C-alpha atoms as a PDB file:
ATOM      1  CA  MET A   1     338.471 160.760 112.204  1.00  0.00           C
ATOM      2  CA  SER A   2     338.807 159.237 108.250  1.00  0.00           C
ATOM      3  CA  ARG A   3     336.415 158.582 106.284  1.00  0.00           C
ATOM      4  CA  CYS A   4     335.629 155.149 105.899  1.00  0.00           C
ATOM      5  CA  TRP A   5     335.659 153.144 102.350  1.00  0.00           C
ATOM      6  CA  ALA A   6     332.251 151.438 103.488  1.00  0.00           C
ATOM      7  CA  CYS A   7     330.525 154.500 104.432  1.00  0.00           C
ATOM      8  CA  PRO A   8     329.784 157.199 101.730  1.00  0.00           C
ATOM      9  CA  LYS A   9     328.033 159.089 103.121  1.00  0.00           C
ATOM     10  CA  GLY A  10     330.722 160.492 105.805  1.00  0.00           C
ATOM     11  CA  VAL A  11     332.774 158.959 108.822  1.00  0.00           C
ATOM     12  CA  SER A  12     331.957 156.878 111.538  1.00  0.00           C
ATOM     13  CA  SER A  13     333.991 157.836 115.094  1.00  0.00           C
ATOM     14  CA  ASP A  14     332.974 153.744 115.664  1.00  0.00           C
ATOM     15  CA  CYS A  15     335.836 152.845 112.613  1.00  0.00           C
ATOM     16  CA  PRO A  16     339.466 153.394 114.309  1.00  0.00           C
ATOM     17  CA  SER A  17     341.081 151.791 111.151  1.00  0.00           C
ATOM     18  CA  PRO A  18     338.893 152.753 108.465  1.00  0.00           C
ATOM     19  CA  VAL A  19     340.241 151.518 105.077  1.00  0.00           C
ATOM     20  CA  PRO A  20     340.710 152.995 101.465  1.00  0.00           C
ATOM     21  CA  ASN A  21     338.509 151.700  98.500  1.00  0.00           C
ATOM     22  CA  PRO A  22     339.198 148.291  98.512  1.00  0.00           C
ATOM     23  CA  SER A  23     339.066 147.128  94.202  1.00  0.00           C
ATOM     24  CA  SER A  24     337.838 144.129  95.220  1.00  0.00           C
ATOM     25  CA  GLU A  25     334.013 143.805  93.891  1.00  0.00           C
ATOM     26  CA  THR A  26     333.249 140.714  96.353  1.00  0.00           C
ATOM     27  CA  ALA A  27     334.809 143.424  99.625  1.00  0.00           C
ATOM     28  CA  ARG A  28     331.900 145.439  98.288  1.00  0.00           C
ATOM     29  CA  LEU A  29     328.928 143.333  98.661  1.00  0.00           C
ATOM     30  CA  CYS A  30     330.000 140.641 100.849  1.00  0.00           C
ATOM     31  CA  THR A  31     329.687 141.466 104.773  1.00  0.00           C
ATOM     32  CA  LEU A  32     332.135 139.258 105.911  1.00  0.00           C
ATOM     33  CA  SER A  33     334.512 141.307 103.745  1.00  0.00           C
ATOM     34  CA  VAL A  34     333.072 144.246 105.059  1.00  0.00           C
ATOM     35  CA  VAL A  35     333.852 143.313 108.816  1.00  0.00           C
ATOM     36  CA  MET A  36     337.505 141.435 108.238  1.00  0.00           C
ATOM     37  CA  ARG A  37     338.475 145.234 106.346  1.00  0.00           C
ATOM     38  CA  SER A  38     337.861 147.085 109.575  1.00  0.00           C
ATOM     39  CA  SER A  39     337.575 146.971 112.693  1.00  0.00           C
ATOM     40  CA  CYS A  40     334.000 147.475 112.580  1.00  0.00           C
ATOM     41  CA  SER A  41     331.747 144.853 114.250  1.00  0.00           C
ATOM     42  CA  LEU A  42     328.908 143.569 111.925  1.00  0.00           C
ATOM     43  CA  ASP A  43     326.301 145.894 114.022  1.00  0.00           C
ATOM     44  CA  VAL A  44     328.534 148.722 113.322  1.00  0.00           C
ATOM     45  CA  VAL A  45     328.892 147.931 109.659  1.00  0.00           C
ATOM     46  CA  ARG A  46     325.297 147.771 109.207  1.00  0.00           C
ATOM     47  CA  ARG A  47     324.040 150.804 111.918  1.00  0.00           C
ATOM     48  CA  HIS A  48     326.914 153.693 110.931  1.00  0.00           C
ATOM     49  CA  HIS A  49     326.966 152.755 106.925  1.00  0.00           C
ATOM     50  CA  ASP A  50     323.605 151.796 105.645  1.00  0.00           C
ATOM     51  CA  TRP A  51     324.979 148.197 104.455  1.00  0.00           C
ATOM     52  CA  ARG A  52     322.801 146.784 101.812  1.00  0.00           C
ATOM     53  CA  PRO A  53     323.178 143.295 100.044  1.00  0.00           C
ATOM     54  CA  ARG A  54     323.590 144.652  96.933  1.00  0.00           C
ATOM     55  CA  PRO A  55     322.687 141.467  94.192  1.00  0.00           C
ATOM     56  CA  SER A  56     324.877 140.881  91.466  1.00  0.00           C
ATOM     57  CA  ARG A  57     324.224 141.758  87.915  1.00  0.00           C
ATOM     58  CA  ARG A  58     323.286 138.090  86.291  1.00  0.00           C
ATOM     59  CA  ALA A  59     320.677 138.285  89.386  1.00  0.00           C
ATOM     60  CA  ARG A  60     319.047 140.956  88.557  1.00  0.00           C
ATOM     61  CA  ARG A  61     318.854 140.658  85.010  1.00  0.00           C
ATOM     62  CA  LEU A  62     316.987 137.111  85.900  1.00  0.00           C
ATOM     63  CA  ARG A  63     314.834 138.729  88.255  1.00  0.00           C
ATOM     64  CA  TRP A  64     313.687 140.689  85.585  1.00  0.00           C
ATOM     65  CA  MET A  65     312.909 138.029  82.981  1.00  0.00           C
ATOM     66  CA  ILE A  66     310.460 136.699  85.490  1.00  0.00           C
ATOM     67  CA  GLU A  67     308.644 139.528  86.164  1.00  0.00           C
ATOM     68  CA  ILE A  68     304.717 139.576  85.293  1.00  0.00           C
ATOM     69  CA  VAL A  69     302.423 142.697  85.517  1.00  0.00           C
ATOM     70  CA  PRO A  70     298.764 142.557  84.845  1.00  0.00           C
ATOM     71  CA  TYR A  71     297.333 143.078  81.289  1.00  0.00           C
ATOM     72  CA  ARG A  72     297.990 146.140  79.458  1.00  0.00           C
ATOM     73  CA  SER A  73     296.035 146.444  76.549  1.00  0.00           C
ATOM     74  CA  GLU A  74     298.751 148.542  74.512  1.00  0.00           C
ATOM     75  CA  TRP A  75     300.339 145.080  73.831  1.00  0.00           C
ATOM     76  CA  ALA A  76     297.536 144.850  70.541  1.00  0.00           C
ATOM     77  CA  ASP A  77     299.149 147.690  69.197  1.00  0.00           C
ATOM     78  CA  GLU A  78     302.573 147.296  70.216  1.00  0.00           C
ATOM     79  CA  PHE A  79     302.452 143.524  68.307  1.00  0.00           C
ATOM     80  CA  GLU A  80     300.855 145.277  65.325  1.00  0.00           C
ATOM     81  CA  ARG A  81     303.594 148.387  64.989  1.00  0.00           C
ATOM     82  CA  GLU A  82     306.520 145.190  65.048  1.00  0.00           C
ATOM     83  CA  ALA A  83     304.684 143.120  63.058  1.00  0.00           C
ATOM     84  CA  ALA A  84     304.162 145.326  60.697  1.00  0.00           C
ATOM     85  CA  SER A  85     307.948 146.748  60.713  1.00  0.00           C
ATOM     86  CA  LEU A  86     309.271 142.894  61.049  1.00  0.00           C
ATOM     87  CA  LEU A  87     307.567 142.101  57.298  1.00  0.00           C
ATOM     88  CA  ASP A  88     308.926 144.846  55.934  1.00  0.00           C
ATOM     89  CA  ARG A  89     312.248 143.399  56.652  1.00  0.00           C
ATOM     90  CA  LEU A  90     311.167 140.393  55.512  1.00  0.00           C
ATOM     91  CA  THR A  91     309.310 140.373  52.262  1.00  0.00           C
ATOM     92  CA  GLY A  92     309.734 137.747  50.098  1.00  0.00           C
ATOM     93  CA  ARG A  93     311.065 134.903  53.358  1.00  0.00           C
ATOM     94  CA  VAL A  94     307.870 134.999  55.615  1.00  0.00           C
ATOM     95  CA  ASP A  95     304.599 135.637  54.723  1.00  0.00           C
ATOM     96  CA  LEU A  96     302.761 135.911  57.770  1.00  0.00           C
ATOM     97  CA  ILE A  97     303.040 137.095  61.533  1.00  0.00           C
ATOM     98  CA  GLU A  98     301.022 136.326  64.637  1.00  0.00           C
ATOM     99  CA  HIS A  99     300.787 137.771  68.393  1.00  0.00           C
ATOM    100  CA  ILE A 100     301.485 134.587  70.470  1.00  0.00           C
ATOM    101  CA  GLY A 101     302.521 134.164  74.639  1.00  0.00           C
ATOM    102  CA  SER A 102     300.635 135.294  77.564  1.00  0.00           C
ATOM    103  CA  THR A 103     300.491 139.224  76.139  1.00  0.00           C
ATOM    104  CA  ALA A 104     298.676 137.990  73.064  1.00  0.00           C
ATOM    105  CA  VAL A 105     295.940 136.340  75.812  1.00  0.00           C
ATOM    106  CA  PRO A 106     293.396 139.726  76.832  1.00  0.00           C
ATOM    107  CA  ASP A 107     293.360 140.011  80.409  1.00  0.00           C
ATOM    108  CA  LEU A 108     295.969 137.952  81.360  1.00  0.00           C
ATOM    109  CA  GLU A 109     299.731 138.157  83.475  1.00  0.00           C
ATOM    110  CA  ALA A 110     302.602 139.009  81.603  1.00  0.00           C
ATOM    111  CA  LYS A 111     305.531 138.974  81.249  1.00  0.00           C
ATOM    112  CA  PRO A 112     305.987 142.330  79.522  1.00  0.00           C
ATOM    113  CA  ILE A 113     307.940 141.142  76.559  1.00  0.00           C
ATOM    114  CA  ILE A 114     306.198 140.675  73.369  1.00  0.00           C
ATOM    115  CA  ASP A 115     305.990 137.321  71.121  1.00  0.00           C
ATOM    116  CA  LEU A 116     305.412 136.783  67.394  1.00  0.00           C
ATOM    117  CA  ALA A 117     305.665 133.732  65.779  1.00  0.00           C
ATOM    118  CA  ALA A 118     306.522 134.119  61.745  1.00  0.00           C
ATOM    119  CA  ARG A 119     305.921 131.776  59.188  1.00  0.00           C
ATOM    120  CA  THR A 120     308.937 131.584  56.867  1.00  0.00           C
ATOM    121  CA  LEU A 121     307.896 130.780  53.308  1.00  0.00           C
ATOM    122  CA  PRO A 122     309.033 127.089  51.121  1.00  0.00           C
ATOM    123  CA  GLY A 123     312.341 126.738  51.541  1.00  0.00           C
ATOM    124  CA  VAL A 124     313.386 129.828  53.666  1.00  0.00           C
ATOM    125  CA  ASP A 125     315.748 128.631  56.492  1.00  0.00           C
ATOM    126  CA  PRO A 126     314.156 129.743  60.059  1.00  0.00           C
ATOM    127  CA  PHE A 127     317.088 130.001  61.689  1.00  0.00           C
ATOM    128  CA  ASP A 128     319.013 132.370  59.014  1.00  0.00           C
ATOM    129  CA  LEU A 129     316.805 135.685  59.473  1.00  0.00           C
ATOM    130  CA  GLU A 130     318.790 137.677  61.707  1.00  0.00           C
ATOM    131  CA  SER A 131     321.227 139.477  58.962  1.00  0.00           C
ATOM    132  CA  SER A 132     317.314 141.041  57.342  1.00  0.00           C
ATOM    133  CA  ILE A 133     316.323 141.930  61.484  1.00  0.00           C
ATOM    134  CA  ALA A 134     319.143 143.176  63.353  1.00  0.00           C
ATOM    135  CA  GLU A 135     318.861 146.460  62.375  1.00  0.00           C
ATOM    136  CA  LEU A 136     315.937 146.376  63.808  1.00  0.00           C
ATOM    137  CA  GLY A 137     317.748 144.986  66.609  1.00  0.00           C
ATOM    138  CA  TYR A 138     317.084 141.519  67.031  1.00  0.00           C
ATOM    139  CA  GLU A 139     319.880 138.872  67.932  1.00  0.00           C
ATOM    140  CA  GLN A 140     319.157 135.226  67.030  1.00  0.00           C
ATOM    141  CA  HIS A 141     319.019 133.482  70.565  1.00  0.00           C
ATOM    142  CA  ARG A 142     321.175 130.351  69.391  1.00  0.00           C
ATOM    143  CA  SER A 143     321.535 128.823  73.251  1.00  0.00           C
ATOM    144  CA  GLY A 144     317.231 128.667  72.995  1.00  0.00           C
ATOM    145  CA  PRO A 145     315.015 125.971  71.456  1.00  0.00           C
ATOM    146  CA  ARG A 146     316.024 124.441  68.867  1.00  0.00           C
ATOM    147  CA  THR A 147     313.308 123.027  67.157  1.00  0.00           C
ATOM    148  CA  HIS A 148     312.691 126.605  65.329  1.00  0.00           C
ATOM    149  CA  GLY A 149     314.375 130.143  64.686  1.00  0.00           C
ATOM    150  CA  VAL A 150     314.802 132.014  67.458  1.00  0.00           C
ATOM    151  CA  TYR A 151     315.557 136.201  67.432  1.00  0.00           C
ATOM    152  CA  VAL A 152     315.371 138.694  70.852  1.00  0.00           C
ATOM    153  CA  ARG A 153     314.984 142.727  70.475  1.00  0.00           C
ATOM    154  CA  HIS A 154     316.654 144.627  73.200  1.00  0.00           C
ATOM    155  CA  THR A 155     316.413 148.049  74.779  1.00  0.00           C
ATOM    156  CA  ALA A 156     319.413 148.613  76.042  1.00  0.00           C
ATOM    157  CA  ALA A 157     319.445 145.612  78.851  1.00  0.00           C
ATOM    158  CA  THR A 158     315.777 145.160  78.677  1.00  0.00           C
ATOM    159  CA  ARG A 159     313.892 142.284  76.391  1.00  0.00           C
ATOM    160  CA  THR A 160     311.749 143.561  75.282  1.00  0.00           C
ATOM    161  CA  HIS A 161     310.348 141.282  72.053  1.00  0.00           C
ATOM    162  CA  ILE A 162     311.108 137.504  70.679  1.00  0.00           C
ATOM    163  CA  LEU A 163     310.300 136.486  67.013  1.00  0.00           C
ATOM    164  CA  HIS A 164     309.842 132.729  66.545  1.00  0.00           C
ATOM    165  CA  ALA A 165     310.615 131.494  63.113  1.00  0.00           C
ATOM    166  CA  PHE A 166     308.758 127.955  61.580  1.00  0.00           C
ATOM    167  CA  THR A 167     308.561 126.408  58.604  1.00  0.00           C
ATOM    168  CA  THR A 168     305.305 126.049  56.492  1.00  0.00           C
ATOM    169  CA  GLY A 169     304.818 122.504  57.484  1.00  0.00           C
ATOM    170  CA  GLU A 170     305.510 123.119  61.557  1.00  0.00           C
ATOM    171  CA  TRP A 171     303.429 126.434  61.172  1.00  0.00           C
ATOM    172  CA  GLU A 172     299.484 124.612  61.538  1.00  0.00           C
ATOM    173  CA  THR A 173     300.743 122.692  64.822  1.00  0.00           C
ATOM    174  CA  CYS A 174     303.559 124.480  66.516  1.00  0.00           C
ATOM    175  CA  ASN A 175     303.142 125.032  70.573  1.00  0.00           C
ATOM    176  CA  GLN A 176     302.919 128.208  70.700  1.00  0.00           C
ATOM    177  CA  ARG A 177     300.197 128.849  68.477  1.00  0.00           C
ATOM    178  CA  LEU A 178     297.985 126.151  69.884  1.00  0.00           C
ATOM    179  CA  PHE A 179     298.905 126.896  73.582  1.00  0.00           C
ATOM    180  CA  ARG A 180     298.231 130.557  73.254  1.00  0.00           C
ATOM    181  CA  ASP A 181     294.691 128.897  71.266  1.00  0.00           C
ATOM    182  CA  LYS A 182     293.713 127.039  74.205  1.00  0.00           C
ATOM    183  CA  LEU A 183     294.116 129.979  76.252  1.00  0.00           C
ATOM    184  CA  LEU A 184     291.805 132.604  74.226  1.00  0.00           C
ATOM    185  CA  HIS A 185     289.372 130.351  74.017  1.00  0.00           C
ATOM    186  CA  GLU A 186     288.840 128.551  77.269  1.00  0.00           C
ATOM    187  CA  ALA A 187     288.367 130.925  80.537  1.00  0.00           C
ATOM    188  CA  SER A 188     288.580 127.991  82.681  1.00  0.00           C
ATOM    189  CA  ALA A 189     292.561 127.188  81.086  1.00  0.00           C
ATOM    190  CA  ARG A 190     293.788 130.846  81.404  1.00  0.00           C
ATOM    191  CA  GLU A 191     292.525 130.453  84.813  1.00  0.00           C
ATOM    192  CA  ARG A 192     294.245 127.164  85.861  1.00  0.00           C
ATOM    193  CA  TYR A 193     297.451 128.808  83.837  1.00  0.00           C
ATOM    194  CA  ARG A 194     296.824 132.105  85.569  1.00  0.00           C
ATOM    195  CA  ALA A 195     297.121 130.479  89.306  1.00  0.00           C
ATOM    196  CA  VAL A 196     300.501 127.994  88.134  1.00  0.00           C
ATOM    197  CA  LYS A 197     302.102 130.706  86.502  1.00  0.00           C
ATOM    198  CA  LEU A 198     301.783 133.835  89.326  1.00  0.00           C
ATOM    199  CA  GLU A 199     302.752 131.216  92.206  1.00  0.00           C
ATOM    200  CA  ALA A 200     305.796 129.714  89.678  1.00  0.00           C
ATOM    201  CA  SER A 201     306.459 134.050  89.714  1.00  0.00           C
ATOM    202  CA  ALA A 202     306.708 134.374  93.111  1.00  0.00           C
ATOM    203  CA  ALA A 203     309.009 131.437  94.084  1.00  0.00           C
ATOM    204  CA  ALA A 204     311.410 131.132  91.012  1.00  0.00           C
ATOM    205  CA  GLN A 205     314.996 132.716  91.656  1.00  0.00           C
ATOM    206  CA  THR A 206     315.768 132.631  87.594  1.00  0.00           C
ATOM    207  CA  GLY A 207     314.332 132.234  84.828  1.00  0.00           C
ATOM    208  CA  GLN A 208     315.007 128.381  84.193  1.00  0.00           C
ATOM    209  CA  ASP A 209     313.270 128.239  87.805  1.00  0.00           C
ATOM    210  CA  TYR A 210     310.077 129.876  86.369  1.00  0.00           C
ATOM    211  CA  THR A 211     309.670 128.137  83.062  1.00  0.00           C
ATOM    212  CA  ARG A 212     310.359 124.134  85.009  1.00  0.00           C
ATOM    213  CA  ARG A 213     307.301 124.529  87.363  1.00  0.00           C
ATOM    214  CA  LYS A 214     305.504 125.785  84.985  1.00  0.00           C
ATOM    215  CA  THR A 215     305.699 122.944  82.863  1.00  0.00           C
ATOM    216  CA  ALA A 216     303.211 120.092  83.877  1.00  0.00           C
ATOM    217  CA  ILE A 217     300.465 122.801  83.252  1.00  0.00           C
ATOM    218  CA  VAL A 218     301.646 124.287  79.967  1.00  0.00           C
ATOM    219  CA  GLU A 219     302.146 120.868  79.155  1.00  0.00           C
ATOM    220  CA  GLU A 220     298.225 119.133  80.104  1.00  0.00           C
ATOM    221  CA  LEU A 221     296.544 122.428  78.296  1.00  0.00           C
ATOM    222  CA  LEU A 222     298.485 122.584  75.296  1.00  0.00           C
ATOM    223  CA  ASN A 223     297.960 118.214  74.941  1.00  0.00           C
ATOM    224  CA  GLU A 224     294.710 119.039  75.460  1.00  0.00           C
ATOM    225  CA  GLU A 225     294.629 121.248  72.379  1.00  0.00           C
ATOM    226  CA  ARG A 226     296.504 118.837  70.670  1.00  0.00           C
ATOM    227  CA  ALA A 227     294.011 116.471  71.146  1.00  0.00           C
ATOM    228  CA  SER A 228     290.570 118.380  70.440  1.00  0.00           C
ATOM    229  CA  ARG A 229     292.808 118.822  66.996  1.00  0.00           C
ATOM    230  CA  GLY A 230     292.796 114.499  66.635  1.00  0.00           C
ATOM    231  CA  LEU A 231     296.641 115.216  67.562  1.00  0.00           C
ATOM    232  CA  PRO A 232     298.967 112.866  69.671  1.00  0.00           C
ATOM    233  CA  PRO A 233     300.517 114.250  72.802  1.00  0.00           C
ATOM    234  CA  THR A 234     304.021 116.255  72.237  1.00  0.00           C
ATOM    235  CA  ALA A 235     306.962 117.715  75.515  1.00  0.00           C
ATOM    236  CA  ALA A 236     306.112 121.441  75.401  1.00  0.00           C
ATOM    237  CA  TRP A 237     309.514 123.318  73.535  1.00  0.00           C
ATOM    238  CA  ASP A 238     311.630 120.797  73.460  1.00  0.00           C
ATOM    239  CA  LYS A 239     314.830 122.475  73.369  1.00  0.00           C
ATOM    240  CA  THR A 240     317.051 119.672  72.561  1.00  0.00           C
ATOM    241  CA  ASP A 241     316.453 118.735  68.770  1.00  0.00           C
ATOM    242  CA  ARG A 242     316.612 120.841  65.941  1.00  0.00           C
END
């Protein structure tokens, strides 16, 4: 008996025509390729080779992007540490950093990513902060929202922090801060958002799908908060206009 390329644990008498390990990634991942490249039936492949479909790297990354976990009290401390580091690097360019996003809302489930909002000083371009914070691991997210500057920090392949930078004029009415305030001061808003968020995270297949499933409730809650402050309704996190 010979070792079959699909059976790293050993040999199988059900593989009369084993083939060497192919170079094609598709052959490793695709059931049809396994069956076609050896004389094993599909059932034999599954039984003797412990075969499991392996998601692509992109699929694994997208599933991570919509991972929702229970609230963690250490998120507040993590924000404080990160905000202090950023303010040190952005002296003369940013004068205030706040905690935003679901990790800023006690007892609300969230993706384990710390979102921060920075207010830039007059005359500072919120889209031009990367050189000051690159040593902290931040890179500008050029495919994200165009209404404000966005910078993402990764540890290995894991996204850990997102910095949103706004001009002084945008600060008081920016969607992210208003939405956070709504969730902080209104328990019923948190429950409405939580229900949709958990349903979306369970059903969505990609990060974009997850965001799309939440859009209606986000805009509804956001515009309730805007109305309470005498502001007109708006679309949530518009990504088309800078």
